[in-house]
Structures are given as C-alpha cells and as structure tokens.
Amino acid sequence: GASLFLARFMMILLGVGVILLMALIVKKLFKRKDLSLVVAFVTALNPLFVFFGRQVQDINPAMFLGLLSIFTYLRWRENKKIKLLILTAIFMSFSIMAKYSFALFAVPIFFTFPFKKLKVKKYMKQAFFAIFAFLIPLFSWISYSKVKSVELDTKIAASYYDLSKVFDSGFWNIMKSYVADNYTMIGILFAFIGLLLFFYLYKNKFSYNFILWYFVGSIPWFVVMADKMSGHNYHQYPIAPLVIFFISYGFLAIATNLAKFFKKKNIKWVALFILAIILVSPSYDSKDRMFDTQFIGLDIAGNYIKGNSCEGERILF
C-alpha cells in the first residue's frame, strides 16, 4: 500500500549509495584512500544531500545512477569488458531520463573516452552496442511520454533556457543564498582553494583530466541551467559532486603540506580533523535553514485536502 516511510527509505538508501559511490570513484581515479575517506565524509555532511536525500525527489535516483555510470566506466577502463560499457550506457541513459540536467556526467566520460581503441574491431563492437544501450531506453521513454508537440518544445525552450540570466545581478544574489544553504560559504571558500590547488598541482593523468572535463563541462551547463537554478537550490545537484571534490582536495592538500612542513605524518590527520570541525558547524546551520523554511500556502492546501477528502483516499502527483 501507500507508504511515505518506504518511499523516503528508498531515497535514503540511494543517498547512502551516493556516499559510497563518491568514495569509490575518487579511489578509482586517484588511488588514494585518504582522499576517498575525506570525500565520503564531506558528501555525508553536505547540507544539500542531507535535506533532499530523504525526500521523494527524482534527483536522488538521477544522482545515484549517474555516479554508478561513472564508476562502471572507470571499471571498464581497467578490464575493457563489454558488459561494463553497456551498463555504463544504460545507467547514464536512466539517469538522464530521471533528470535531464545529469547529462553533465556524460561530459567527462565522453572527453576521456579512448577513441583510438575504436580502430580495433573488438572495441568498435563494444562502442556500437553501448550507443544502442544508451539510445534505446532514452528514445523509448521519450516516445512513451509523447513529448512530440512543437508548441510544447517551444514553450519548454523559452521557459528553461534564458541564457541571459547569468548577467542578472538578482540571479547572483539568489545563487549566494543557495550556495550558503548547499555547501556553506566556508565550504565554497575551501572549494575555491581546492580548485586553485588542483590546477597548481595538475598532472597530465587520466584522473586529473577526468575532473578537468567535469569542471569545463560545468561552465556551459551553468549558463544553460541558470534560469532553472534561480528557481530552486536542488537544481545544483549535478555540480554538487564537483564542489565536494574540490572541498576535499583542498582539505587534503592543506593537511598533507602541513605534515611535510612539520615533517610529521600524523599532523595530516590532525589538520584534517580541525578542517572537518570548521566545516561542521556552518553545515548544521545550512541544513537547519532548509528544514525550517516553510512555503506559505502549503498549510492552507493541506488543511483543505484533509477537510474535503474521505478516509483512505490518496492523492498521487
């Protein structure tokens, strides 16, 4: 039967899966357990995930499936098994079907894909099957949804893609508020430090290239999604893993260099603990701001429905 608990519990399971996948992806990329642990901690603490991770939202399965696609892609690069590439395509397709903005996750996969291997018949065959595994579910879903109206598409384009939004001062005021809720201002400061250190310590390796393309892809994504992002803070979900990574990278780079400066390994973990404490307090404040925000009118609508419905009736939206 209808159960809000079960619906939310499913979202919570997906949220826990996101923490695990973030850790596994970073470990696969950089082969560092310390960075993987820091990423897991920051992901679990992230106010955006804490608040929306227990809500019945399409962003939760979209995030889980998108990260699962990335993880499967990284595994495919290790052993080149065809089933892993097909699963990569299927997971990405379903992630985009749940929330189209998660197509951003496909950018680093595409630009780090070893296209030179397609000269070999074996890999050409794998790519062929993967393309079909991606397109068949996606176009079947579009056909099923009957989104074929030119008028509807025009309205969607007009309302979703106001590219001039990024030049509006009001937009940046909204973003400042949303960023404070999603990552905290201290978190964004650490993310900026992590971004600078990432480029300063940049190495021409697959791991760094993968994060680089994620970052590069997020720039046009940000412009296209600006109008949507001005409407709600959860539209930042697809870039949240990038912000979390840079926060974590900044933490570890600072802690590691302090340990080198003082020539004591244990200082790294002491520094990480102190940095974590600095991030914890504002994270609770950000989480509370989201939990304590009530939208005027929902109480009126709720009371009306309660007063004009029969016992056992359900509303599905």
C-alpha atoms as a PDB file:
ATOM      1  CA  GLY A   1       0.000   0.000   0.000  1.00  0.00           C
ATOM      2  CA  ALA A   2       0.882   3.697   0.076  1.00  0.00           C
ATOM      3  CA  SER A   3       3.740   4.326   2.497  1.00  0.00           C
ATOM      4  CA  LEU A   4       5.630   7.582   2.839  1.00  0.00           C
ATOM      5  CA  PHE A   5       8.170   5.816   5.050  1.00  0.00           C
ATOM      6  CA  LEU A   6       9.058   3.270   2.348  1.00  0.00           C
ATOM      7  CA  ALA A   7       9.226   5.980  -0.323  1.00  0.00           C
ATOM      8  CA  ARG A   8      11.593   8.050   1.801  1.00  0.00           C
ATOM      9  CA  PHE A   9      13.566   4.995   2.912  1.00  0.00           C
ATOM     10  CA  MET A  10      14.293   4.228  -0.748  1.00  0.00           C
ATOM     11  CA  MET A  11      15.639   7.762  -1.181  1.00  0.00           C
ATOM     12  CA  ILE A  12      17.786   7.381   1.940  1.00  0.00           C
ATOM     13  CA  LEU A  13      19.254   4.142   0.584  1.00  0.00           C
ATOM     14  CA  LEU A  14      20.113   5.938  -2.661  1.00  0.00           C
ATOM     15  CA  GLY A  15      21.689   8.738  -0.616  1.00  0.00           C
ATOM     16  CA  VAL A  16      23.866   6.290   1.291  1.00  0.00           C
ATOM     17  CA  GLY A  17      24.768   4.743  -2.082  1.00  0.00           C
ATOM     18  CA  VAL A  18      25.872   8.175  -3.312  1.00  0.00           C
ATOM     19  CA  ILE A  19      28.296   8.484  -0.372  1.00  0.00           C
ATOM     20  CA  LEU A  20      29.741   5.064  -1.197  1.00  0.00           C
ATOM     21  CA  LEU A  21      29.978   5.766  -4.936  1.00  0.00           C
ATOM     22  CA  MET A  22      31.684   9.125  -4.379  1.00  0.00           C
ATOM     23  CA  ALA A  23      34.323   7.387  -2.265  1.00  0.00           C
ATOM     24  CA  LEU A  24      34.794   4.534  -4.754  1.00  0.00           C
ATOM     25  CA  ILE A  25      35.013   6.849  -7.779  1.00  0.00           C
ATOM     26  CA  VAL A  26      37.673   9.040  -6.170  1.00  0.00           C
ATOM     27  CA  LYS A  27      39.597   5.953  -5.027  1.00  0.00           C
ATOM     28  CA  LYS A  28      39.486   4.543  -8.586  1.00  0.00           C
ATOM     29  CA  LEU A  29      40.625   7.844 -10.054  1.00  0.00           C
ATOM     30  CA  PHE A  30      43.417   8.869  -7.682  1.00  0.00           C
ATOM     31  CA  LYS A  31      44.332   5.575  -5.964  1.00  0.00           C
ATOM     32  CA  ARG A  32      44.315   7.357  -2.592  1.00  0.00           C
ATOM     33  CA  LYS A  33      42.384   6.078   0.397  1.00  0.00           C
ATOM     34  CA  ASP A  34      42.825   9.310   2.359  1.00  0.00           C
ATOM     35  CA  LEU A  35      41.214  11.424  -0.375  1.00  0.00           C
ATOM     36  CA  SER A  36      38.465   8.816  -0.732  1.00  0.00           C
ATOM     37  CA  LEU A  37      37.688   8.981   3.007  1.00  0.00           C
ATOM     38  CA  VAL A  38      37.626  12.786   3.048  1.00  0.00           C
ATOM     39  CA  VAL A  39      35.265  12.830   0.043  1.00  0.00           C
ATOM     40  CA  ALA A  40      32.952  10.335   1.785  1.00  0.00           C
ATOM     41  CA  PHE A  41      32.905  12.485   4.928  1.00  0.00           C
ATOM     42  CA  VAL A  42      32.191  15.760   3.085  1.00  0.00           C
ATOM     43  CA  THR A  43      29.495  14.046   0.972  1.00  0.00           C
ATOM     44  CA  ALA A  44      27.769  12.678   4.081  1.00  0.00           C
ATOM     45  CA  LEU A  45      27.931  16.117   5.717  1.00  0.00           C
ATOM     46  CA  ASN A  46      26.756  18.090   2.664  1.00  0.00           C
ATOM     47  CA  PRO A  47      23.584  20.047   3.648  1.00  0.00           C
ATOM     48  CA  LEU A  48      22.085  19.737   0.155  1.00  0.00           C
ATOM     49  CA  PHE A  49      22.250  15.932   0.292  1.00  0.00           C
ATOM     50  CA  VAL A  50      21.176  15.769   3.949  1.00  0.00           C
ATOM     51  CA  PHE A  51      17.994  17.733   3.241  1.00  0.00           C
ATOM     52  CA  PHE A  52      16.939  16.344  -0.138  1.00  0.00           C
ATOM     53  CA  GLY A  53      18.346  12.860   0.433  1.00  0.00           C
ATOM     54  CA  ARG A  54      15.236  11.897   2.445  1.00  0.00           C
ATOM     55  CA  GLN A  55      12.724  13.495   0.102  1.00  0.00           C
ATOM     56  CA  VAL A  56      10.949  11.656  -2.705  1.00  0.00           C
ATOM     57  CA  GLN A  57      12.746  13.510  -5.496  1.00  0.00           C
ATOM     58  CA  ASP A  58      13.828  12.390  -8.963  1.00  0.00           C
ATOM     59  CA  ILE A  59      17.235  13.983  -8.325  1.00  0.00           C
ATOM     60  CA  ASN A  60      18.139  11.151  -5.930  1.00  0.00           C
ATOM     61  CA  PRO A  61      17.892   8.227  -8.398  1.00  0.00           C
ATOM     62  CA  ALA A  62      19.354  10.507 -11.100  1.00  0.00           C
ATOM     63  CA  MET A  63      22.412  11.205  -8.938  1.00  0.00           C
ATOM     64  CA  PHE A  64      22.855   7.566  -7.897  1.00  0.00           C
ATOM     65  CA  LEU A  65      22.532   6.225 -11.457  1.00  0.00           C
ATOM     66  CA  GLY A  66      24.788   8.949 -12.886  1.00  0.00           C
ATOM     67  CA  LEU A  67      27.550   8.197 -10.379  1.00  0.00           C
ATOM     68  CA  LEU A  68      27.035   4.464 -10.931  1.00  0.00           C
ATOM     69  CA  SER A  69      27.573   5.069 -14.652  1.00  0.00           C
ATOM     70  CA  ILE A  70      30.851   6.888 -13.928  1.00  0.00           C
ATOM     71  CA  PHE A  71      32.025   4.129 -11.578  1.00  0.00           C
ATOM     72  CA  THR A  72      31.171   1.431 -14.142  1.00  0.00           C
ATOM     73  CA  TYR A  73      33.036   3.414 -16.814  1.00  0.00           C
ATOM     74  CA  LEU A  74      36.143   3.543 -14.602  1.00  0.00           C
ATOM     75  CA  ARG A  75      35.910  -0.230 -14.109  1.00  0.00           C
ATOM     76  CA  TRP A  76      35.552  -0.705 -17.873  1.00  0.00           C
ATOM     77  CA  ARG A  77      38.765   1.231 -18.462  1.00  0.00           C
ATOM     78  CA  GLU A  78      40.552  -1.300 -16.252  1.00  0.00           C
ATOM     79  CA  ASN A  79      39.466  -4.538 -17.961  1.00  0.00           C
ATOM     80  CA  LYS A  80      37.511  -3.493 -21.123  1.00  0.00           C
ATOM     81  CA  LYS A  81      34.668  -5.983 -20.568  1.00  0.00           C
ATOM     82  CA  ILE A  82      31.761  -5.253 -22.899  1.00  0.00           C
ATOM     83  CA  LYS A  83      29.105  -5.719 -20.190  1.00  0.00           C
ATOM     84  CA  LEU A  84      30.636  -2.871 -18.170  1.00  0.00           C
ATOM     85  CA  LEU A  85      30.497  -0.444 -21.110  1.00  0.00           C
ATOM     86  CA  ILE A  86      26.890  -1.429 -21.832  1.00  0.00           C
ATOM     87  CA  LEU A  87      25.997  -0.916 -18.153  1.00  0.00           C
ATOM     88  CA  THR A  88      27.733   2.466 -18.257  1.00  0.00           C
ATOM     89  CA  ALA A  89      25.459   3.472 -21.148  1.00  0.00           C
ATOM     90  CA  ILE A  90      22.285   2.103 -19.537  1.00  0.00           C
ATOM     91  CA  PHE A  91      22.915   3.772 -16.161  1.00  0.00           C
ATOM     92  CA  MET A  92      23.653   7.102 -17.863  1.00  0.00           C
ATOM     93  CA  SER A  93      20.527   6.824 -20.003  1.00  0.00           C
ATOM     94  CA  PHE A  94      18.304   6.194 -16.983  1.00  0.00           C
ATOM     95  CA  SER A  95      19.998   8.988 -15.028  1.00  0.00           C
ATOM     96  CA  ILE A  96      19.211  11.487 -17.809  1.00  0.00           C
ATOM     97  CA  MET A  97      15.662  10.105 -18.081  1.00  0.00           C
ATOM     98  CA  ALA A  98      15.139  10.812 -14.387  1.00  0.00           C
ATOM     99  CA  LYS A  99      16.570  14.350 -14.651  1.00  0.00           C
ATOM    100  CA  TYR A 100      17.972  15.657 -17.937  1.00  0.00           C
ATOM    101  CA  SER A 101      20.447  18.028 -16.221  1.00  0.00           C
ATOM    102  CA  PHE A 102      22.531  14.996 -15.196  1.00  0.00           C
ATOM    103  CA  ALA A 103      23.719  14.746 -18.800  1.00  0.00           C
ATOM    104  CA  LEU A 104      26.619  16.776 -17.365  1.00  0.00           C
ATOM    105  CA  PHE A 105      28.040  13.490 -16.017  1.00  0.00           C
ATOM    106  CA  ALA A 106      28.423  12.242 -19.593  1.00  0.00           C
ATOM    107  CA  VAL A 107      30.847  15.076 -20.459  1.00  0.00           C
ATOM    108  CA  PRO A 108      33.953  13.745 -18.617  1.00  0.00           C
ATOM    109  CA  ILE A 109      33.154  10.218 -19.828  1.00  0.00           C
ATOM    110  CA  PHE A 110      32.955  11.340 -23.464  1.00  0.00           C
ATOM    111  CA  PHE A 111      36.086  13.525 -23.427  1.00  0.00           C
ATOM    112  CA  THR A 112      38.229  10.906 -21.668  1.00  0.00           C
ATOM    113  CA  PHE A 113      36.937   8.005 -23.741  1.00  0.00           C
ATOM    114  CA  PRO A 114      39.820   6.153 -25.509  1.00  0.00           C
ATOM    115  CA  PHE A 115      38.515   6.689 -29.063  1.00  0.00           C
ATOM    116  CA  LYS A 116      41.808   5.449 -30.534  1.00  0.00           C
ATOM    117  CA  LYS A 117      40.873   1.945 -29.396  1.00  0.00           C
ATOM    118  CA  LEU A 118      37.865   2.015 -31.746  1.00  0.00           C
ATOM    119  CA  LYS A 119      40.265   1.192 -34.584  1.00  0.00           C
ATOM    120  CA  VAL A 120      40.290  -2.317 -33.138  1.00  0.00           C
ATOM    121  CA  LYS A 121      37.230  -4.316 -34.216  1.00  0.00           C
ATOM    122  CA  LYS A 122      36.628  -5.619 -30.692  1.00  0.00           C
ATOM    123  CA  TYR A 123      36.238  -2.136 -29.220  1.00  0.00           C
ATOM    124  CA  MET A 124      34.271  -0.840 -32.185  1.00  0.00           C
ATOM    125  CA  LYS A 125      31.728  -3.589 -31.489  1.00  0.00           C
ATOM    126  CA  GLN A 126      31.596  -2.617 -27.810  1.00  0.00           C
ATOM    127  CA  ALA A 127      31.001   1.049 -28.674  1.00  0.00           C
ATOM    128  CA  PHE A 128      28.255   0.094 -31.135  1.00  0.00           C
ATOM    129  CA  PHE A 129      26.355  -1.914 -28.507  1.00  0.00           C
ATOM    130  CA  ALA A 130      26.893   0.809 -25.887  1.00  0.00           C
ATOM    131  CA  ILE A 131      25.390   3.502 -28.147  1.00  0.00           C
ATOM    132  CA  PHE A 132      22.285   1.379 -28.673  1.00  0.00           C
ATOM    133  CA  ALA A 133      22.115   0.591 -24.943  1.00  0.00           C
ATOM    134  CA  PHE A 134      22.071   4.343 -24.301  1.00  0.00           C
ATOM    135  CA  LEU A 135      19.687   5.442 -27.042  1.00  0.00           C
ATOM    136  CA  ILE A 136      17.023   2.695 -26.997  1.00  0.00           C
ATOM    137  CA  PRO A 137      15.798   3.311 -23.404  1.00  0.00           C
ATOM    138  CA  LEU A 138      16.046   7.085 -23.863  1.00  0.00           C
ATOM    139  CA  PHE A 139      14.060   7.295 -27.084  1.00  0.00           C
ATOM    140  CA  SER A 140      11.582   4.653 -25.917  1.00  0.00           C
ATOM    141  CA  TRP A 141      10.908   6.823 -22.879  1.00  0.00           C
ATOM    142  CA  ILE A 142      10.528   9.981 -24.998  1.00  0.00           C
ATOM    143  CA  SER A 143       8.106   8.168 -27.291  1.00  0.00           C
ATOM    144  CA  TYR A 144       6.171   6.802 -24.324  1.00  0.00           C
ATOM    145  CA  SER A 145       5.969  10.260 -22.781  1.00  0.00           C
ATOM    146  CA  LYS A 146       4.559  11.565 -26.065  1.00  0.00           C
ATOM    147  CA  VAL A 147       6.672  14.703 -25.925  1.00  0.00           C
ATOM    148  CA  LYS A 148       6.313  15.372 -29.651  1.00  0.00           C
ATOM    149  CA  SER A 149       4.482  18.704 -29.745  1.00  0.00           C
ATOM    150  CA  VAL A 150       6.472  21.505 -31.386  1.00  0.00           C
ATOM    151  CA  GLU A 151       4.432  24.008 -29.378  1.00  0.00           C
ATOM    152  CA  LEU A 152       5.324  22.249 -26.125  1.00  0.00           C
ATOM    153  CA  ASP A 153       9.006  22.061 -27.064  1.00  0.00           C
ATOM    154  CA  THR A 154       8.982  25.785 -27.873  1.00  0.00           C
ATOM    155  CA  LYS A 155       7.433  26.617 -24.511  1.00  0.00           C
ATOM    156  CA  ILE A 156       9.947  24.422 -22.697  1.00  0.00           C
ATOM    157  CA  ALA A 157      12.870  26.029 -24.540  1.00  0.00           C
ATOM    158  CA  ALA A 158      11.536  29.523 -23.848  1.00  0.00           C
ATOM    159  CA  SER A 159      10.992  28.906 -20.132  1.00  0.00           C
ATOM    160  CA  TYR A 160      14.004  26.709 -19.352  1.00  0.00           C
ATOM    161  CA  TYR A 161      16.835  28.277 -21.282  1.00  0.00           C
ATOM    162  CA  ASP A 162      17.120  32.001 -20.594  1.00  0.00           C
ATOM    163  CA  LEU A 163      20.864  32.319 -21.238  1.00  0.00           C
ATOM    164  CA  SER A 164      20.871  35.997 -20.238  1.00  0.00           C
ATOM    165  CA  LYS A 165      20.118  35.021 -16.640  1.00  0.00           C
ATOM    166  CA  VAL A 166      23.821  34.892 -15.716  1.00  0.00           C
ATOM    167  CA  PHE A 167      24.098  38.644 -16.441  1.00  0.00           C
ATOM    168  CA  ASP A 168      21.308  39.476 -13.994  1.00  0.00           C
ATOM    169  CA  SER A 169      22.511  40.750 -10.603  1.00  0.00           C
ATOM    170  CA  GLY A 170      19.392  39.301  -8.997  1.00  0.00           C
ATOM    171  CA  PHE A 171      20.447  35.835 -10.168  1.00  0.00           C
ATOM    172  CA  TRP A 172      23.794  36.086  -8.361  1.00  0.00           C
ATOM    173  CA  ASN A 173      22.091  37.240  -5.153  1.00  0.00           C
ATOM    174  CA  ILE A 174      19.916  34.128  -5.320  1.00  0.00           C
ATOM    175  CA  MET A 175      22.965  31.952  -6.038  1.00  0.00           C
ATOM    176  CA  LYS A 176      24.745  33.349  -2.995  1.00  0.00           C
ATOM    177  CA  SER A 177      21.798  32.320  -0.825  1.00  0.00           C
ATOM    178  CA  TYR A 178      21.550  28.863  -2.421  1.00  0.00           C
ATOM    179  CA  VAL A 179      25.298  28.262  -2.207  1.00  0.00           C
ATOM    180  CA  ALA A 180      25.250  29.136   1.502  1.00  0.00           C
ATOM    181  CA  ASP A 181      22.496  26.555   2.008  1.00  0.00           C
ATOM    182  CA  ASN A 182      24.013  23.873  -0.224  1.00  0.00           C
ATOM    183  CA  TYR A 183      27.700  23.950   0.754  1.00  0.00           C
ATOM    184  CA  THR A 184      28.090  26.794   3.322  1.00  0.00           C
ATOM    185  CA  MET A 185      30.180  29.879   2.496  1.00  0.00           C
ATOM    186  CA  ILE A 186      33.166  28.362   4.302  1.00  0.00           C
ATOM    187  CA  GLY A 187      32.726  25.227   2.193  1.00  0.00           C
ATOM    188  CA  ILE A 188      32.735  27.309  -1.000  1.00  0.00           C
ATOM    189  CA  LEU A 189      35.893  29.071   0.196  1.00  0.00           C
ATOM    190  CA  PHE A 190      37.588  25.701   0.675  1.00  0.00           C
ATOM    191  CA  ALA A 191      36.268  24.561  -2.711  1.00  0.00           C
ATOM    192  CA  PHE A 192      37.856  27.625  -4.333  1.00  0.00           C
ATOM    193  CA  ILE A 193      41.148  26.898  -2.545  1.00  0.00           C
ATOM    194  CA  GLY A 194      40.875  23.276  -3.683  1.00  0.00           C
ATOM    195  CA  LEU A 195      40.232  24.410  -7.276  1.00  0.00           C
ATOM    196  CA  LEU A 196      43.348  26.623  -7.247  1.00  0.00           C
ATOM    197  CA  LEU A 197      45.471  23.861  -5.716  1.00  0.00           C
ATOM    198  CA  PHE A 198      44.064  21.349  -8.211  1.00  0.00           C
ATOM    199  CA  PHE A 199      45.321  23.431 -11.140  1.00  0.00           C
ATOM    200  CA  TYR A 200      48.581  24.263  -9.360  1.00  0.00           C
ATOM    201  CA  LEU A 201      49.297  20.571  -8.737  1.00  0.00           C
ATOM    202  CA  TYR A 202      47.745  19.457 -12.045  1.00  0.00           C
ATOM    203  CA  LYS A 203      49.266  16.382 -13.699  1.00  0.00           C
ATOM    204  CA  ASN A 204      48.600  15.166 -17.218  1.00  0.00           C
ATOM    205  CA  LYS A 205      46.981  11.983 -15.997  1.00  0.00           C
ATOM    206  CA  PHE A 206      43.583  10.412 -16.651  1.00  0.00           C
ATOM    207  CA  SER A 207      42.372  11.183 -13.112  1.00  0.00           C
ATOM    208  CA  TYR A 208      43.125  14.897 -13.388  1.00  0.00           C
ATOM    209  CA  ASN A 209      41.819  15.055 -16.957  1.00  0.00           C
ATOM    210  CA  PHE A 210      38.537  13.458 -15.879  1.00  0.00           C
ATOM    211  CA  ILE A 211      37.954  16.084 -13.161  1.00  0.00           C
ATOM    212  CA  LEU A 212      39.089  18.828 -15.556  1.00  0.00           C
ATOM    213  CA  TRP A 213      36.449  17.880 -18.145  1.00  0.00           C
ATOM    214  CA  TYR A 214      33.808  17.699 -15.420  1.00  0.00           C
ATOM    215  CA  PHE A 215      34.782  21.253 -14.449  1.00  0.00           C
ATOM    216  CA  VAL A 216      34.937  22.513 -18.066  1.00  0.00           C
ATOM    217  CA  GLY A 217      31.565  20.923 -18.853  1.00  0.00           C
ATOM    218  CA  SER A 218      30.005  22.588 -15.817  1.00  0.00           C
ATOM    219  CA  ILE A 219      30.666  26.083 -17.255  1.00  0.00           C
ATOM    220  CA  PRO A 220      28.303  25.907 -20.282  1.00  0.00           C
ATOM    221  CA  TRP A 221      25.992  23.718 -18.156  1.00  0.00           C
ATOM    222  CA  PHE A 222      25.802  26.550 -15.611  1.00  0.00           C
ATOM    223  CA  VAL A 223      24.858  29.079 -18.298  1.00  0.00           C
ATOM    224  CA  VAL A 224      22.175  26.829 -19.806  1.00  0.00           C
ATOM    225  CA  MET A 225      20.752  25.860 -16.409  1.00  0.00           C
ATOM    226  CA  ALA A 226      20.934  29.367 -14.897  1.00  0.00           C
ATOM    227  CA  ASP A 227      17.223  30.070 -15.259  1.00  0.00           C
ATOM    228  CA  LYS A 228      16.257  26.749 -13.670  1.00  0.00           C
ATOM    229  CA  MET A 229      18.827  27.148 -10.881  1.00  0.00           C
ATOM    230  CA  SER A 230      17.386  30.527  -9.937  1.00  0.00           C
ATOM    231  CA  GLY A 231      14.123  28.748  -9.083  1.00  0.00           C
ATOM    232  CA  HIS A 232      15.400  26.196  -6.559  1.00  0.00           C
ATOM    233  CA  ASN A 233      18.643  25.188  -4.879  1.00  0.00           C
ATOM    234  CA  TYR A 234      18.256  21.462  -5.700  1.00  0.00           C
ATOM    235  CA  HIS A 235      18.985  22.193  -9.375  1.00  0.00           C
ATOM    236  CA  GLN A 236      22.647  22.360  -8.309  1.00  0.00           C
ATOM    237  CA  TYR A 237      22.646  18.607  -7.662  1.00  0.00           C
ATOM    238  CA  PRO A 238      24.680  17.689 -10.809  1.00  0.00           C
ATOM    239  CA  ILE A 239      27.554  20.028  -9.821  1.00  0.00           C
ATOM    240  CA  ALA A 240      27.491  19.113  -6.117  1.00  0.00           C
ATOM    241  CA  PRO A 241      29.969  16.196  -6.533  1.00  0.00           C
ATOM    242  CA  LEU A 242      32.425  18.602  -8.208  1.00  0.00           C
ATOM    243  CA  VAL A 243      32.163  21.127  -5.355  1.00  0.00           C
ATOM    244  CA  ILE A 244      32.507  18.327  -2.798  1.00  0.00           C
ATOM    245  CA  PHE A 245      35.597  17.008  -4.593  1.00  0.00           C
ATOM    246  CA  PHE A 246      37.306  20.418  -4.590  1.00  0.00           C
ATOM    247  CA  ILE A 247      36.487  20.931  -0.893  1.00  0.00           C
ATOM    248  CA  SER A 248      38.017  17.525  -0.130  1.00  0.00           C
ATOM    249  CA  TYR A 249      41.011  18.105  -2.412  1.00  0.00           C
ATOM    250  CA  GLY A 250      41.645  21.433  -0.698  1.00  0.00           C
ATOM    251  CA  PHE A 251      41.432  19.806   2.730  1.00  0.00           C
ATOM    252  CA  LEU A 252      43.874  17.043   1.839  1.00  0.00           C
ATOM    253  CA  ALA A 253      46.345  19.340   0.026  1.00  0.00           C
ATOM    254  CA  ILE A 254      46.463  21.694   3.036  1.00  0.00           C
ATOM    255  CA  ALA A 255      46.817  18.846   5.542  1.00  0.00           C
ATOM    256  CA  THR A 256      49.467  17.000   3.503  1.00  0.00           C
ATOM    257  CA  ASN A 257      51.609  20.106   3.028  1.00  0.00           C
ATOM    258  CA  LEU A 258      51.388  20.953   6.727  1.00  0.00           C
ATOM    259  CA  ALA A 259      52.623  17.432   7.509  1.00  0.00           C
ATOM    260  CA  LYS A 260      55.533  17.923   5.080  1.00  0.00           C
ATOM    261  CA  PHE A 261      56.352  21.331   6.552  1.00  0.00           C
ATOM    262  CA  PHE A 262      56.472  19.998  10.112  1.00  0.00           C
ATOM    263  CA  LYS A 263      57.934  16.664   8.931  1.00  0.00           C
ATOM    264  CA  LYS A 264      55.398  14.630  10.913  1.00  0.00           C
ATOM    265  CA  LYS A 265      52.906  12.324   9.150  1.00  0.00           C
ATOM    266  CA  ASN A 266      50.355  12.374  11.967  1.00  0.00           C
ATOM    267  CA  ILE A 267      49.867  16.123  11.566  1.00  0.00           C
ATOM    268  CA  LYS A 268      47.967  15.397   8.333  1.00  0.00           C
ATOM    269  CA  TRP A 269      45.164  13.672  10.242  1.00  0.00           C
ATOM    270  CA  VAL A 270      45.150  16.316  12.982  1.00  0.00           C
ATOM    271  CA  ALA A 271      44.832  19.028  10.331  1.00  0.00           C
ATOM    272  CA  LEU A 272      42.047  17.107   8.568  1.00  0.00           C
ATOM    273  CA  PHE A 273      40.182  16.770  11.861  1.00  0.00           C
ATOM    274  CA  ILE A 274      40.449  20.524  12.536  1.00  0.00           C
ATOM    275  CA  LEU A 275      39.305  21.366   8.989  1.00  0.00           C
ATOM    276  CA  ALA A 276      36.356  18.986   9.396  1.00  0.00           C
ATOM    277  CA  ILE A 277      35.334  20.737  12.633  1.00  0.00           C
ATOM    278  CA  ILE A 278      35.493  24.103  10.852  1.00  0.00           C
ATOM    279  CA  LEU A 279      33.095  22.757   8.203  1.00  0.00           C
ATOM    280  CA  VAL A 280      30.690  21.008  10.602  1.00  0.00           C
ATOM    281  CA  SER A 281      29.144  23.983  12.407  1.00  0.00           C
ATOM    282  CA  PRO A 282      28.028  26.027   9.359  1.00  0.00           C
ATOM    283  CA  SER A 283      26.844  22.792   7.737  1.00  0.00           C
ATOM    284  CA  TYR A 284      24.347  22.288  10.575  1.00  0.00           C
ATOM    285  CA  ASP A 285      23.217  25.908  10.209  1.00  0.00           C
ATOM    286  CA  SER A 286      22.676  25.430   6.449  1.00  0.00           C
ATOM    287  CA  LYS A 287      20.761  22.201   6.991  1.00  0.00           C
ATOM    288  CA  ASP A 288      18.552  23.883   9.610  1.00  0.00           C
ATOM    289  CA  ARG A 289      17.767  26.811   7.296  1.00  0.00           C
ATOM    290  CA  MET A 290      16.399  24.386   4.709  1.00  0.00           C
ATOM    291  CA  PHE A 291      14.450  22.307   7.256  1.00  0.00           C
ATOM    292  CA  ASP A 292      12.988  25.426   8.894  1.00  0.00           C
ATOM    293  CA  THR A 293      11.830  27.095   5.666  1.00  0.00           C
ATOM    294  CA  GLN A 294       8.080  26.821   5.203  1.00  0.00           C
ATOM    295  CA  PHE A 295       6.398  27.864   1.963  1.00  0.00           C
ATOM    296  CA  ILE A 296       3.289  29.944   2.628  1.00  0.00           C
ATOM    297  CA  GLY A 297       0.135  28.313   1.283  1.00  0.00           C
ATOM    298  CA  LEU A 298       1.083  24.671   1.644  1.00  0.00           C
ATOM    299  CA  ASP A 299      -0.544  24.566   5.080  1.00  0.00           C
ATOM    300  CA  ILE A 300      -3.761  26.007   3.623  1.00  0.00           C
ATOM    301  CA  ALA A 301      -3.735  23.495   0.761  1.00  0.00           C
ATOM    302  CA  GLY A 302      -3.045  20.649   3.181  1.00  0.00           C
ATOM    303  CA  ASN A 303      -5.869  21.586   5.519  1.00  0.00           C
ATOM    304  CA  TYR A 304      -8.285  21.956   2.595  1.00  0.00           C
ATOM    305  CA  ILE A 305      -7.406  18.498   1.248  1.00  0.00           C
ATOM    306  CA  LYS A 306      -7.693  16.996   4.730  1.00  0.00           C
ATOM    307  CA  GLY A 307     -11.094  18.599   5.295  1.00  0.00           C
ATOM    308  CA  ASN A 308     -12.514  17.602   1.891  1.00  0.00           C
ATOM    309  CA  SER A 309     -11.302  14.032   1.497  1.00  0.00           C
ATOM    310  CA  CYS A 310     -12.587  10.707   2.734  1.00  0.00           C
ATOM    311  CA  GLU A 311     -10.771   8.242   4.947  1.00  0.00           C
ATOM    312  CA  GLY A 312      -8.375   6.121   2.910  1.00  0.00           C
ATOM    313  CA  GLU A 313      -8.287   8.431  -0.119  1.00  0.00           C
ATOM    314  CA  ARG A 314      -4.881   9.174  -1.602  1.00  0.00           C
ATOM    315  CA  ILE A 315      -3.576  11.899  -3.918  1.00  0.00           C
ATOM    316  CA  LEU A 316      -0.799  10.918  -6.321  1.00  0.00           C
ATOM    317  CA  PHE A 317       1.102  13.695  -8.107  1.00  0.00           C
END
